[in-house]
Amino acid sequence: MLPFIAGIAAGAVAVVAYNNNKKIRKNVNEGAKKAKHLAQEGYEKTKEFAKDVKASVDEKVESLKSKKEEKKIEKEGETANGNE
């Protein structure tokens, strides 16, 4: 009895879907357009965020390099003063 009821329910769903296929297709197309738009926005935001992170990392690297150079120059200066 249960398979018979499940078959009737599946048939009813198929008939409703067939009768509303234009409406369903329209909703699916609208959903796909929205998803594409949201994905594009997300991609642009991610791209901008990555650009900001890269700039921040580059600044930090330059800062560390300059500090390293300053320490190297100080060390060379101390060595030169100590040898005199």
C-alpha atoms as a PDB file:
ATOM      1  CA  MET A   1       0.000   0.000   0.000  1.00  0.00           C
ATOM      2  CA  LEU A   2       2.835   2.414   0.847  1.00  0.00           C
ATOM      3  CA  PRO A   3       4.527   2.099  -2.584  1.00  0.00           C
ATOM      4  CA  PHE A   4       1.162   2.836  -4.216  1.00  0.00           C
ATOM      5  CA  ILE A   5       0.768   6.051  -2.168  1.00  0.00           C
ATOM      6  CA  ALA A   6       4.359   7.079  -2.890  1.00  0.00           C
ATOM      7  CA  GLY A   7       3.743   6.506  -6.623  1.00  0.00           C
ATOM      8  CA  ILE A   8       0.627   8.670  -6.571  1.00  0.00           C
ATOM      9  CA  ALA A   9       2.500  11.438  -4.725  1.00  0.00           C
ATOM     10  CA  ALA A  10       5.405  11.302  -7.197  1.00  0.00           C
ATOM     11  CA  GLY A  11       2.972  11.391 -10.118  1.00  0.00           C
ATOM     12  CA  ALA A  12       1.147  14.368  -8.640  1.00  0.00           C
ATOM     13  CA  VAL A  13       4.428  16.234  -8.178  1.00  0.00           C
ATOM     14  CA  ALA A  14       5.395  15.482 -11.779  1.00  0.00           C
ATOM     15  CA  VAL A  15       2.056  16.777 -13.102  1.00  0.00           C
ATOM     16  CA  VAL A  16       2.282  19.972 -11.037  1.00  0.00           C
ATOM     17  CA  ALA A  17       5.869  20.538 -12.145  1.00  0.00           C
ATOM     18  CA  TYR A  18       4.952  19.973 -15.791  1.00  0.00           C
ATOM     19  CA  ASN A  19       2.015  22.364 -15.589  1.00  0.00           C
ATOM     20  CA  ASN A  20       4.183  25.042 -13.950  1.00  0.00           C
ATOM     21  CA  ASN A  21       7.340  24.475 -15.988  1.00  0.00           C
ATOM     22  CA  LYS A  22       7.433  28.044 -17.373  1.00  0.00           C
ATOM     23  CA  LYS A  23       7.105  29.501 -13.897  1.00  0.00           C
ATOM     24  CA  ILE A  24       9.714  27.094 -12.538  1.00  0.00           C
ATOM     25  CA  ARG A  25      12.096  27.843 -15.431  1.00  0.00           C
ATOM     26  CA  LYS A  26      11.660  31.605 -14.862  1.00  0.00           C
ATOM     27  CA  ASN A  27      12.414  31.241 -11.137  1.00  0.00           C
ATOM     28  CA  VAL A  28      15.443  29.060 -11.829  1.00  0.00           C
ATOM     29  CA  ASN A  29      16.794  31.584 -14.358  1.00  0.00           C
ATOM     30  CA  GLU A  30      16.261  34.465 -11.919  1.00  0.00           C
ATOM     31  CA  GLY A  31      17.991  32.475  -9.178  1.00  0.00           C
ATOM     32  CA  ALA A  32      20.903  31.704 -11.479  1.00  0.00           C
ATOM     33  CA  LYS A  33      21.260  35.388 -12.397  1.00  0.00           C
ATOM     34  CA  LYS A  34      21.220  36.380  -8.716  1.00  0.00           C
ATOM     35  CA  ALA A  35      23.777  33.704  -7.880  1.00  0.00           C
ATOM     36  CA  LYS A  36      26.020  34.867 -10.719  1.00  0.00           C
ATOM     37  CA  HIS A  37      25.741  38.481  -9.568  1.00  0.00           C
ATOM     38  CA  LEU A  38      26.518  37.555  -5.952  1.00  0.00           C
ATOM     39  CA  ALA A  39      29.463  35.423  -7.050  1.00  0.00           C
ATOM     40  CA  GLN A  40      30.833  38.309  -9.127  1.00  0.00           C
ATOM     41  CA  GLU A  41      30.474  40.715  -6.179  1.00  0.00           C
ATOM     42  CA  GLY A  42      32.156  38.211  -3.885  1.00  0.00           C
ATOM     43  CA  TYR A  43      34.975  37.762  -6.377  1.00  0.00           C
ATOM     44  CA  GLU A  44      35.535  41.526  -6.627  1.00  0.00           C
ATOM     45  CA  LYS A  45      35.508  41.935  -2.832  1.00  0.00           C
ATOM     46  CA  THR A  46      37.927  39.039  -2.407  1.00  0.00           C
ATOM     47  CA  LYS A  47      40.197  40.450  -5.095  1.00  0.00           C
ATOM     48  CA  GLU A  48      40.223  43.868  -3.363  1.00  0.00           C
ATOM     49  CA  PHE A  49      40.865  42.245   0.025  1.00  0.00           C
ATOM     50  CA  ALA A  50      43.774  40.231  -1.396  1.00  0.00           C
ATOM     51  CA  LYS A  51      45.205  43.417  -2.885  1.00  0.00           C
ATOM     52  CA  ASP A  52      45.007  45.141   0.529  1.00  0.00           C
ATOM     53  CA  VAL A  53      46.615  42.172   2.280  1.00  0.00           C
ATOM     54  CA  LYS A  54      49.433  42.081  -0.266  1.00  0.00           C
ATOM     55  CA  ALA A  55      50.080  45.806   0.218  1.00  0.00           C
ATOM     56  CA  SER A  56      50.113  45.344   3.985  1.00  0.00           C
ATOM     57  CA  VAL A  57      52.526  42.409   3.766  1.00  0.00           C
ATOM     58  CA  ASP A  58      54.787  44.341   1.396  1.00  0.00           C
ATOM     59  CA  GLU A  59      54.885  47.265   3.833  1.00  0.00           C
ATOM     60  CA  LYS A  60      55.762  44.935   6.703  1.00  0.00           C
ATOM     61  CA  VAL A  61      58.522  43.264   4.665  1.00  0.00           C
ATOM     62  CA  GLU A  62      60.007  46.645   3.744  1.00  0.00           C
ATOM     63  CA  SER A  63      59.846  47.716   7.390  1.00  0.00           C
ATOM     64  CA  LEU A  64      61.649  44.565   8.514  1.00  0.00           C
ATOM     65  CA  LYS A  65      64.284  44.967   5.806  1.00  0.00           C
ATOM     66  CA  SER A  66      64.971  48.568   6.796  1.00  0.00           C
ATOM     67  CA  LYS A  67      65.256  47.585  10.471  1.00  0.00           C
ATOM     68  CA  LYS A  68      67.671  44.807   9.531  1.00  0.00           C
ATOM     69  CA  GLU A  69      69.756  47.243   7.483  1.00  0.00           C
ATOM     70  CA  GLU A  70      69.802  49.748  10.381  1.00  0.00           C
ATOM     71  CA  LYS A  71      71.018  47.052  12.780  1.00  0.00           C
ATOM     72  CA  LYS A  72      73.662  45.964  10.276  1.00  0.00           C
ATOM     73  CA  ILE A  73      74.898  49.539   9.884  1.00  0.00           C
ATOM     74  CA  GLU A  74      74.939  50.029  13.681  1.00  0.00           C
ATOM     75  CA  LYS A  75      76.879  46.807  14.109  1.00  0.00           C
ATOM     76  CA  GLU A  76      79.394  47.824  11.443  1.00  0.00           C
ATOM     77  CA  GLY A  77      79.739  51.223  13.129  1.00  0.00           C
ATOM     78  CA  GLU A  78      80.374  49.625  16.530  1.00  0.00           C
ATOM     79  CA  THR A  79      82.924  47.277  15.005  1.00  0.00           C
ATOM     80  CA  ALA A  80      84.692  50.152  13.281  1.00  0.00           C
ATOM     81  CA  ASN A  81      84.737  52.225  16.495  1.00  0.00           C
ATOM     82  CA  GLY A  82      85.960  49.304  18.553  1.00  0.00           C
ATOM     83  CA  ASN A  83      88.934  48.638  16.221  1.00  0.00           C
ATOM     84  CA  GLU A  84      90.250  52.203  16.355  1.00  0.00           C
END
